[in-house]
Protein backbone atom coordinates (compact mmCIF):
# COMPACT_ATOMS: atom_id res chain seq x y z
CA MET A 1 27.23 -62.90 44.03
CA ALA A 2 28.40 -59.30 43.54
CA ALA A 3 29.18 -57.32 46.68
CA ALA A 4 26.61 -54.69 47.69
CA LYS A 5 27.52 -51.16 46.74
CA PRO A 6 28.40 -49.06 49.81
CA ILE A 7 25.80 -46.69 51.21
CA ALA A 8 26.63 -43.82 53.56
CA ILE A 9 24.63 -41.47 55.77
CA VAL A 10 25.68 -37.84 56.10
CA TRP A 11 24.39 -36.75 59.50
CA PHE A 12 23.94 -32.96 59.49
CA ARG A 13 23.94 -31.15 62.84
CA ARG A 14 25.54 -27.69 63.01
CA ASP A 15 26.93 -27.73 59.47
CA LEU A 16 23.84 -26.99 57.38
CA ARG A 17 25.56 -26.33 54.06
CA LEU A 18 26.76 -28.02 50.90
CA HIS A 19 29.79 -25.83 50.19
CA ASP A 20 32.97 -26.72 52.09
CA GLN A 21 31.19 -29.61 53.78
CA PRO A 22 33.95 -32.16 54.54
CA ALA A 23 31.61 -34.85 55.89
CA LEU A 24 29.53 -34.81 52.72
CA ALA A 25 32.63 -34.74 50.51
CA HIS A 26 34.06 -37.75 52.34
CA ALA A 27 30.83 -39.73 52.04
CA LEU A 28 30.69 -39.05 48.30
CA THR A 29 34.20 -40.46 47.85
CA VAL A 30 33.55 -43.75 49.65
CA ALA A 31 29.89 -44.54 48.89
CA GLU A 32 27.84 -45.06 45.77
CA ARG A 33 24.71 -43.62 47.37
CA VAL A 34 24.35 -41.10 50.18
CA LEU A 35 21.40 -40.32 52.45
CA PRO A 36 21.43 -36.83 54.01
CA LEU A 37 19.95 -37.04 57.53
CA PHE A 38 18.91 -34.61 60.25
CA VAL A 39 17.73 -35.92 63.63
CA VAL A 40 15.50 -33.64 65.71
CA ASP A 41 16.81 -34.46 69.18
CA PRO A 42 14.24 -33.72 71.95
CA ALA A 43 17.09 -33.24 74.43
CA VAL A 44 18.27 -30.28 72.34
CA VAL A 45 14.95 -28.91 71.11
CA HIS A 46 13.34 -28.95 74.56
CA GLY A 47 16.48 -28.93 76.70
CA ARG A 48 18.49 -26.45 78.74
CA TRP A 49 19.03 -24.03 75.87
CA HIS A 50 15.56 -24.10 74.28
CA SER A 51 15.01 -21.06 72.05
CA PRO A 52 12.07 -20.36 69.70
CA ASN A 53 14.26 -17.97 67.70
CA ARG A 54 16.95 -20.58 67.07
CA LEU A 55 14.37 -23.27 66.29
CA TRP A 56 12.79 -20.99 63.70
CA HIS A 57 16.18 -20.24 62.17
CA LEU A 58 17.03 -23.94 62.19
CA ALA A 59 13.78 -24.89 60.43
CA ARG A 60 14.30 -22.34 57.68
CA SER A 61 17.97 -23.30 57.26
CA LEU A 62 17.02 -26.96 56.94
CA GLU A 63 14.50 -26.04 54.24
CA ARG A 64 17.22 -24.24 52.27
CA LEU A 65 19.53 -27.23 52.72
CA ASP A 66 16.82 -29.54 51.42
CA GLU A 67 16.31 -27.29 48.40
CA GLY A 68 20.03 -27.41 47.61
CA LEU A 69 20.06 -31.19 47.92
CA ARG A 70 17.03 -31.55 45.64
CA GLU A 71 18.84 -29.53 42.98
CA ARG A 72 21.52 -32.24 43.15
CA GLY A 73 19.30 -35.31 43.06
CA ALA A 74 18.81 -35.92 46.79
CA SER A 75 16.68 -34.68 49.67
CA LEU A 76 17.05 -34.18 53.41
CA VAL A 77 15.53 -36.92 55.56
CA THR A 78 14.30 -35.61 58.91
CA VAL A 79 13.43 -37.91 61.80
CA VAL A 80 12.59 -37.27 65.46
CA GLY A 81 14.03 -39.09 68.46
CA ARG A 82 17.19 -39.91 70.39
CA PRO A 83 20.12 -39.96 67.97
CA ALA A 84 21.44 -43.15 69.60
CA ASP A 85 18.17 -44.80 68.54
CA GLU A 86 17.41 -43.05 65.27
CA VAL A 87 20.78 -43.03 63.50
CA PRO A 88 21.26 -46.82 63.83
CA ARG A 89 17.60 -47.34 62.90
CA VAL A 90 18.02 -45.35 59.68
CA ALA A 91 21.31 -47.10 58.92
CA ALA A 92 19.64 -50.50 59.28
CA ALA A 93 16.67 -49.47 57.12
CA ILE A 94 18.83 -48.44 54.15
CA GLY A 95 21.76 -50.81 54.64
CA ALA A 96 24.33 -48.11 55.34
CA SER A 97 27.84 -49.18 56.30
CA MET A 98 29.10 -45.76 57.39
CA VAL A 99 27.84 -42.49 58.92
CA ALA A 100 29.82 -39.28 58.32
CA ALA A 101 29.41 -36.13 60.43
CA SER A 102 31.25 -32.98 61.42
CA ARG A 103 32.84 -33.35 64.82
CA ASP A 104 30.88 -31.72 67.67
CA LEU A 105 33.10 -30.51 70.51
CA SER A 106 30.40 -29.52 73.01
CA PRO A 107 29.97 -31.66 76.14
CA TYR A 108 26.52 -32.82 75.07
CA GLY A 109 27.65 -33.40 71.49
CA ARG A 110 30.57 -35.54 72.61
CA ALA A 111 28.38 -37.68 74.87
CA ARG A 112 25.72 -38.01 72.16
CA ASP A 113 28.26 -39.03 69.53
CA ASP A 114 29.85 -41.59 71.86
CA ALA A 115 26.41 -43.14 72.40
CA VAL A 116 25.66 -43.19 68.68
CA ARG A 117 29.09 -44.60 67.87
CA GLY A 118 28.59 -47.43 70.32
CA ALA A 119 25.12 -48.25 69.00
CA LEU A 120 26.35 -48.22 65.40
CA ARG A 121 29.39 -50.35 66.21
CA ALA A 122 27.11 -53.01 67.65
CA ALA A 123 25.40 -53.11 64.25
CA GLY A 124 28.66 -53.16 62.30
CA VAL A 125 28.39 -49.56 61.13
CA GLU A 126 31.15 -46.96 61.54
CA LEU A 127 30.66 -43.35 62.65
CA ARG A 128 33.34 -41.08 61.20
CA THR A 129 33.52 -37.53 62.56
CA GLY A 130 35.94 -34.92 61.23
CA ARG A 131 36.63 -31.25 60.66
CA GLY A 132 33.89 -28.85 59.74
CA LEU A 133 32.79 -26.63 62.64
CA LEU A 134 36.02 -24.79 63.51
CA VAL A 135 39.01 -23.32 61.73
CA HIS A 136 41.45 -25.48 63.71
CA GLU A 137 40.77 -28.46 65.98
CA PRO A 138 41.86 -28.56 69.65
CA GLU A 139 44.64 -31.04 68.87
CA ASP A 140 46.05 -28.57 66.31
CA ILE A 141 46.80 -25.81 68.81
CA ARG A 142 49.11 -26.93 71.59
CA ARG A 143 51.86 -25.35 73.66
CA GLU A 144 55.41 -26.61 73.20
CA ASP A 145 54.99 -28.78 76.30
CA GLY A 146 51.87 -30.37 74.80
CA GLY A 147 49.42 -28.56 77.05
CA SER A 148 46.49 -26.41 75.98
CA TYR A 149 46.43 -22.62 75.92
CA ARG A 150 44.45 -20.83 78.62
CA VAL A 151 45.21 -17.27 77.47
CA PHE A 152 44.02 -15.89 74.16
CA SER A 153 47.11 -13.99 72.92
CA PRO A 154 49.51 -16.98 72.74
CA PHE A 155 46.64 -19.13 71.48
CA HIS A 156 46.02 -16.60 68.71
CA ARG A 157 49.67 -16.58 67.68
CA ALA A 158 49.71 -20.37 67.40
CA TRP A 159 46.34 -20.37 65.68
CA GLN A 160 47.50 -17.83 63.07
CA ALA A 161 50.64 -19.84 62.35
CA ARG A 162 48.72 -22.91 61.16
CA GLU A 163 47.71 -23.18 57.53
CA LEU A 164 44.04 -23.41 56.63
CA ARG A 165 42.76 -26.69 55.29
CA PRO A 166 41.63 -26.51 51.63
CA VAL A 167 38.07 -25.34 50.98
CA VAL A 168 35.93 -28.16 49.54
CA ASP A 169 33.80 -27.40 46.49
CA THR A 170 30.03 -27.82 46.45
CA PRO A 171 29.20 -31.23 44.94
CA GLY A 172 27.54 -31.25 41.55
CA ALA A 173 25.36 -34.24 42.48
CA VAL A 174 24.39 -36.21 45.58
CA PRO A 175 23.27 -39.69 44.47
CA MET A 176 20.45 -40.95 46.65
CA ALA A 177 18.31 -43.05 44.29
CA SER A 178 15.69 -45.25 46.03
CA LEU A 179 16.93 -44.57 49.58
CA THR A 180 13.87 -43.86 51.71
CA VAL A 181 12.96 -43.74 55.40
CA PRO A 182 9.23 -44.42 55.93
CA TRP A 183 8.97 -42.64 59.30
CA ALA A 184 10.64 -39.41 58.14
CA ARG A 185 8.68 -36.23 58.85
CA PRO A 186 8.39 -32.80 57.21
CA ILE A 187 10.88 -30.31 58.67
CA ASP A 188 8.38 -27.91 60.21
CA ALA A 189 6.28 -30.69 61.72
CA ALA A 190 9.39 -32.39 63.13
CA LEU A 191 10.41 -29.16 64.87
CA GLY A 192 6.90 -28.34 66.10
CA HIS A 193 6.18 -25.47 63.67
CA PRO A 194 8.45 -23.01 65.53
CA VAL A 195 7.43 -19.37 65.83
CA PRO A 196 10.11 -16.83 66.81
CA THR A 197 9.68 -14.51 69.77
CA ALA A 198 11.64 -11.84 67.88
CA ASP A 199 10.03 -9.69 65.19
CA PRO A 200 10.14 -11.82 61.99
CA GLU A 201 10.72 -8.67 59.96
CA LEU A 202 13.94 -8.01 61.89
CA LEU A 203 15.40 -11.52 61.68
CA LEU A 204 18.09 -12.14 59.07
CA GLU A 205 17.25 -14.54 56.26
CA PRO A 206 18.35 -18.07 57.24
CA GLY A 207 20.04 -20.70 55.10
CA GLU A 208 23.20 -21.18 53.07
CA PRO A 209 22.28 -19.05 50.00
CA ALA A 210 21.57 -15.97 52.13
CA ALA A 211 24.67 -16.61 54.26
CA ARG A 212 26.87 -16.78 51.18
CA ARG A 213 25.43 -13.50 49.92
CA ARG A 214 26.22 -11.90 53.28
CA LEU A 215 29.78 -13.22 53.17
CA ALA A 216 30.35 -11.96 49.61
CA ALA A 217 29.04 -8.51 50.53
CA TRP A 218 31.13 -8.38 53.71
CA ALA A 219 34.39 -9.65 52.20
CA GLY A 220 34.30 -6.97 49.50
CA SER A 221 33.17 -4.10 51.70
CA GLU A 222 34.82 -0.93 52.94
CA THR A 223 33.25 -1.79 56.30
CA LEU A 224 35.57 -4.80 56.62
CA GLN A 225 38.55 -2.57 55.85
CA ALA A 226 37.44 -0.21 58.63
CA TYR A 227 36.47 -3.00 61.03
CA ALA A 228 39.28 -2.35 63.53
CA SER A 229 38.05 1.20 64.17
CA GLY A 230 34.32 0.76 63.49
CA ARG A 231 33.43 -2.56 65.08
CA ASP A 232 32.50 -1.03 68.46
CA ARG A 233 30.15 1.63 67.11
CA LEU A 234 26.62 0.76 68.20
CA ASP A 235 24.99 3.31 65.90
CA LEU A 236 26.62 2.07 62.67
CA GLU A 237 26.45 -1.13 60.62
CA GLY A 238 30.09 -1.93 61.30
CA THR A 239 29.99 -5.68 61.86
CA SER A 240 29.67 -8.69 59.56
CA ARG A 241 26.39 -10.11 60.90
CA LEU A 242 27.74 -13.58 60.09
CA SER A 243 27.49 -14.92 63.64
CA GLN A 244 24.28 -16.91 63.10
CA ASP A 245 25.71 -18.32 59.85
CA LEU A 246 28.78 -19.60 61.69
CA ARG A 247 26.70 -20.89 64.59
CA TRP A 248 24.52 -23.02 62.29
CA GLY A 249 27.27 -23.85 59.83
CA THR A 250 25.49 -22.32 56.85
CA LEU A 251 28.95 -20.85 56.31
CA SER A 252 32.22 -22.65 56.88
CA PRO A 253 34.61 -20.77 59.20
CA VAL A 254 37.48 -21.82 56.93
CA GLU A 255 35.75 -20.26 53.93
CA VAL A 256 35.08 -17.09 55.94
CA MET A 257 38.77 -16.90 56.82
CA ALA A 258 39.79 -17.45 53.20
CA ALA A 259 37.34 -14.81 51.93
CA CYS A 260 38.58 -12.23 54.46
CA ASP A 261 42.32 -12.82 54.07
CA GLY A 262 43.17 -9.33 52.86
CA ALA A 263 45.87 -7.09 54.26
CA GLY A 264 45.17 -4.30 56.70
CA THR A 265 44.09 -3.91 60.30
CA GLY A 266 40.39 -4.38 59.51
CA PRO A 267 40.57 -7.90 58.06
CA ALA A 268 43.20 -8.89 60.62
CA ARG A 269 40.99 -7.78 63.52
CA PHE A 270 38.00 -9.57 62.02
CA ARG A 271 39.98 -12.81 61.67
CA SER A 272 40.96 -12.51 65.33
CA GLU A 273 37.26 -12.57 66.22
CA ILE A 274 37.01 -15.92 64.41
CA ALA A 275 39.97 -17.03 66.52
CA TRP A 276 38.04 -16.10 69.69
CA ARG A 277 35.26 -18.44 68.51
CA ASP A 278 37.76 -21.29 68.21
CA PHE A 279 39.39 -20.34 71.53
CA PHE A 280 36.16 -20.63 73.51
CA ALA A 281 35.31 -23.93 71.79
CA HIS A 282 38.76 -25.31 72.61
CA LEU A 283 38.50 -24.23 76.25
CA LEU A 284 35.21 -26.07 76.62
CA TRP A 285 36.59 -29.15 74.87
CA HIS A 286 39.60 -29.28 77.22
CA ASP A 287 37.43 -28.58 80.30
CA PRO A 288 33.74 -29.54 79.87
CA THR A 289 32.99 -28.33 83.42
CA LEU A 290 33.12 -24.77 82.05
CA ALA A 291 29.57 -25.34 80.86
CA ARG A 292 28.50 -24.73 84.47
CA ARG A 293 31.56 -23.57 86.46
CA SER A 294 33.85 -20.55 86.26
CA PHE A 295 37.17 -20.79 84.46
CA ARG A 296 38.70 -19.03 87.48
CA ARG A 297 37.82 -21.54 90.16
CA GLU A 298 38.83 -19.14 92.94
CA LEU A 299 35.90 -16.95 91.89
CA ASP A 300 33.29 -19.70 92.04
CA GLY A 301 32.58 -18.33 95.50
CA VAL A 302 31.63 -14.78 94.50
CA ALA A 303 28.63 -13.78 96.62
CA TRP A 304 26.08 -13.06 93.91
CA GLN A 305 23.01 -11.02 94.83
CA ASP A 306 19.58 -12.65 94.85
CA ASP A 307 17.60 -9.76 93.37
CA PRO A 308 14.85 -11.00 91.02
CA GLY A 309 13.46 -7.48 90.62
CA ALA A 310 16.74 -6.05 89.39
CA ALA A 311 17.33 -9.03 87.10
CA LYS A 312 13.83 -8.62 85.65
CA ALA A 313 14.43 -4.91 85.02
CA TRP A 314 17.61 -5.90 83.17
CA THR A 315 15.91 -8.53 80.99
CA GLU A 316 13.10 -6.13 80.10
CA GLY A 317 15.34 -3.14 79.37
CA ARG A 318 14.12 -1.01 82.29
CA THR A 319 17.33 -0.32 84.21
CA GLY A 320 17.27 3.45 83.74
CA TYR A 321 20.58 3.34 81.84
CA PRO A 322 19.66 4.13 78.22
CA VAL A 323 22.39 2.14 76.45
CA VAL A 324 21.75 -0.95 78.61
CA ASP A 325 18.00 -0.73 78.00
CA ALA A 326 18.48 -0.19 74.25
CA ALA A 327 20.65 -3.30 73.98
CA MET A 328 18.25 -5.51 75.93
CA ARG A 329 15.32 -4.35 73.82
CA GLN A 330 17.32 -4.94 70.65
CA LEU A 331 17.91 -8.52 71.79
CA ARG A 332 14.21 -9.20 72.29
CA ALA A 333 13.22 -7.57 69.00
CA THR A 334 15.91 -9.04 66.73
CA GLY A 335 17.35 -12.15 68.36
CA TRP A 336 20.76 -10.48 68.12
CA MET A 337 22.87 -7.93 69.95
CA HIS A 338 26.00 -6.02 68.96
CA ASN A 339 29.11 -7.48 70.61
CA ARG A 340 30.03 -4.21 72.36
CA ALA A 341 26.48 -4.04 73.70
CA ARG A 342 26.81 -7.63 74.96
CA MET A 343 29.87 -6.58 76.95
CA ILE A 344 28.11 -3.53 78.38
CA VAL A 345 24.98 -5.37 79.52
CA ALA A 346 26.95 -8.34 80.84
CA SER A 347 29.18 -6.07 82.90
CA PHE A 348 26.12 -4.24 84.18
CA LEU A 349 24.29 -7.39 85.27
CA THR A 350 27.25 -8.96 87.02
CA LYS A 351 29.08 -5.89 88.35
CA HIS A 352 26.39 -3.25 88.92
CA LEU A 353 23.56 -5.59 89.95
CA GLY A 354 25.78 -8.36 91.34
CA VAL A 355 23.70 -11.05 89.62
CA ASP A 356 25.25 -14.42 88.77
CA TRP A 357 26.58 -14.50 85.20
CA ARG A 358 24.64 -17.73 84.60
CA VAL A 359 21.37 -15.75 84.79
CA GLY A 360 22.53 -13.60 81.88
CA GLU A 361 23.94 -16.59 80.02
CA THR A 362 20.54 -18.29 80.17
CA HIS A 363 18.65 -15.19 79.04
CA PHE A 364 20.94 -14.73 76.06
CA MET A 365 20.57 -18.39 75.05
CA GLU A 366 16.80 -18.03 75.21
CA HIS A 367 16.79 -15.21 72.65
CA LEU A 368 19.97 -15.25 70.53
CA VAL A 369 19.70 -16.76 67.05
CA ASP A 370 23.49 -17.10 67.17
CA GLY A 371 23.47 -18.52 70.71
CA ASP A 372 26.39 -20.94 70.89
CA PRO A 373 27.12 -22.72 74.18
CA ALA A 374 30.90 -22.29 74.00
CA SER A 375 30.98 -18.68 72.76
CA ASN A 376 28.09 -17.52 74.94
CA THR A 377 29.48 -19.09 78.11
CA GLY A 378 33.00 -17.92 77.31
CA GLY A 379 31.82 -14.38 76.64
CA TRP A 380 29.75 -14.21 79.80
CA GLN A 381 32.56 -15.54 81.96
CA TRP A 382 34.98 -13.06 80.39
CA SER A 383 32.61 -10.14 80.99
CA ALA A 384 31.95 -11.29 84.56
CA SER A 385 35.75 -11.45 85.18
CA VAL A 386 35.55 -15.13 86.10
CA GLY A 387 36.71 -16.41 82.70
CA ALA A 388 39.81 -16.73 80.54
CA ASP A 389 41.15 -13.19 80.82
CA ALA A 390 44.85 -12.35 81.11
CA GLN A 391 44.12 -9.06 82.93
CA PRO A 392 44.59 -9.18 86.71
CA TYR A 393 41.92 -6.55 87.40
CA ILE A 394 38.14 -6.44 87.42
CA ARG A 395 36.60 -4.66 84.43
CA ILE A 396 33.63 -2.56 85.48
CA LEU A 397 32.24 -0.74 82.48
CA ASN A 398 30.56 2.59 83.20
CA PRO A 399 27.36 2.28 81.10
CA THR A 400 26.94 6.02 80.65
CA LEU A 401 30.50 6.52 79.40
CA GLN A 402 30.22 3.42 77.22
CA GLY A 403 27.08 4.84 75.63
CA ILE A 404 28.69 8.20 74.94
CA ARG A 405 31.82 6.57 73.52
CA HIS A 406 30.20 3.97 71.28
CA ASP A 407 26.92 5.73 70.42
CA PRO A 408 28.24 9.32 70.29
CA GLN A 409 25.11 10.96 68.88
CA GLY A 410 22.64 8.66 70.67
CA ASP A 411 21.12 7.21 67.49
CA TYR A 412 21.30 3.62 68.80
CA VAL A 413 19.51 4.53 72.02
CA ARG A 414 16.81 6.51 70.24
CA ARG A 415 16.13 3.60 67.89
CA TRP A 416 15.44 1.09 70.66
CA VAL A 417 14.19 3.35 73.46
CA PRO A 418 11.36 5.38 71.89
CA GLU A 419 10.68 7.21 75.17
CA LEU A 420 13.91 9.12 74.60
CA ARG A 421 13.49 10.06 70.95
CA GLY A 422 12.76 13.67 71.90
CA ILE A 423 16.29 14.16 73.24
CA ASP A 424 18.84 15.17 70.63
CA GLY A 425 22.50 14.19 70.52
CA PRO A 426 24.58 12.59 73.26
CA ALA A 427 22.37 14.07 76.00
CA VAL A 428 20.16 11.01 75.48
CA HIS A 429 22.68 9.00 77.51
CA GLU A 430 22.09 11.14 80.60
CA PRO A 431 18.42 12.12 80.58
CA LEU A 432 17.28 14.51 83.29
CA GLU A 433 15.55 13.12 86.35
CA GLY A 434 11.87 12.62 85.66
CA VAL A 435 12.37 12.33 81.89
CA TYR A 436 13.20 8.59 81.98
CA ILE A 437 12.66 5.73 84.40
CA PRO A 438 14.80 5.91 87.58
CA ARG A 439 18.07 3.99 87.63
CA VAL A 440 17.89 0.68 89.44
CA VAL A 441 21.34 1.34 90.90
CA ASP A 442 23.90 4.16 91.00
CA HIS A 443 27.23 3.54 89.30
CA GLY A 444 29.52 4.69 92.13
CA PRO A 445 28.14 2.58 95.00
CA ALA A 446 27.59 -0.37 92.64
CA ARG A 447 31.22 -0.24 91.58
CA GLN A 448 32.41 -0.31 95.17
CA ARG A 449 30.16 -3.28 96.00
CA ALA A 450 31.51 -5.16 92.98
CA LEU A 451 35.12 -4.57 93.97
CA GLU A 452 34.40 -5.91 97.45
CA ALA A 453 32.54 -8.94 96.12
CA TYR A 454 35.42 -9.87 93.82
CA ARG A 455 38.26 -9.07 96.19
CA THR A 456 40.52 -12.12 96.37
CA PRO A 457 44.29 -12.66 96.74
CA GLY A 458 46.03 -11.69 93.53
CA ARG A 459 43.25 -9.40 92.29
CA ASP A 460 44.11 -5.74 92.61
CA GLY A 461 40.57 -4.46 92.15
CA HIS A 462 41.48 -1.94 89.43
CA GLU A 463 38.52 -0.79 87.38
CA GLY A 464 39.08 -1.58 83.71
CA GLY A 465 37.19 0.08 80.90
CA GLY A 466 35.19 3.29 80.95
């Protein structure tokens, strides 16, 4: 009797693309037929980081992935349930001998994959996970003594020194003939017909085709060349807007690096931002407790203020500081916020209001389409001065000066704070008393309280930033 032809499952998670998709490429080299699979995991969909905006983006990205697969002779199979139950169940139903997936470095992803691997092994099926989500894996970037980097600058030097893996071409065909899963569900139904809380007209188009158009436009733009000087301007379109594409893997970070490999300070600075994404992912992989605890353990004991009213004013964009309020309203309206604005509002919540960084982390994850556990947590800890920061001092950003510096004519504020549209020029950052809502806190006293709250041995209390 002839041996059965091998069948493989490609389990998509945060790599919703066909171009430069190593897991898919591997499956196509070892199997005669391939079943593309997505498992709607209730622990993720309804878990700690539930977000209607991300669910909507996910649903639309999965639809585009399915369309691309159908053009190549296959289709995306979507099931609902615990991956440790559903992946082995699908494998048994179609007679698969192997499951290929991009490696997930998050604490939940690692635990989930271990459970799936064990369940598959019991059925004689192998789970193979490999590169796909990052530029370089944690094992690639090590100190000379074998340890991991805890400071970005030396990490970045080591990261830059490594060669990129080759970009994998989009497959011409994905053979799937006669492979079916009777309990599969339509994408929207499987995800509960998600509706975003952001304005649908202001959300970027999801999916791989739109992401690749954005990358092509960005890689060939003058804006990329000027990125080093223009990336902090809140009033200009000076950033790539590729963050949600990298978060959902509708673009490969390796392809982004390859496309933006030009000379000059702009491309170099942009590539360093991709390195920060890897850095935060590596930190979390080496220390999964960072998902809930501070990188700087000595600052786990900061006496955060219990002030629900102030925190609510922050989330609603009613702090009385125009640039802070503009950024928070932008987040609610678009599911995105400029990175400089993220730094300003994070510093304000933790330093001016004294609110625990985890409150802000949670609010961001509720709204951000690009909300990534490693990058979001790493960014919040950095802004709260409890994270991986080589500076010995506490950065306390003055929101008024930050607004004047990065929104010099006030156009950003006027766009998102309509109450202030009658004020011309930079004066919008310091509206007269009675013209705008009162400030929830004054900068000077708030700064002093923050310095006292953070005062520990080895911290000199210097105010960084302006």
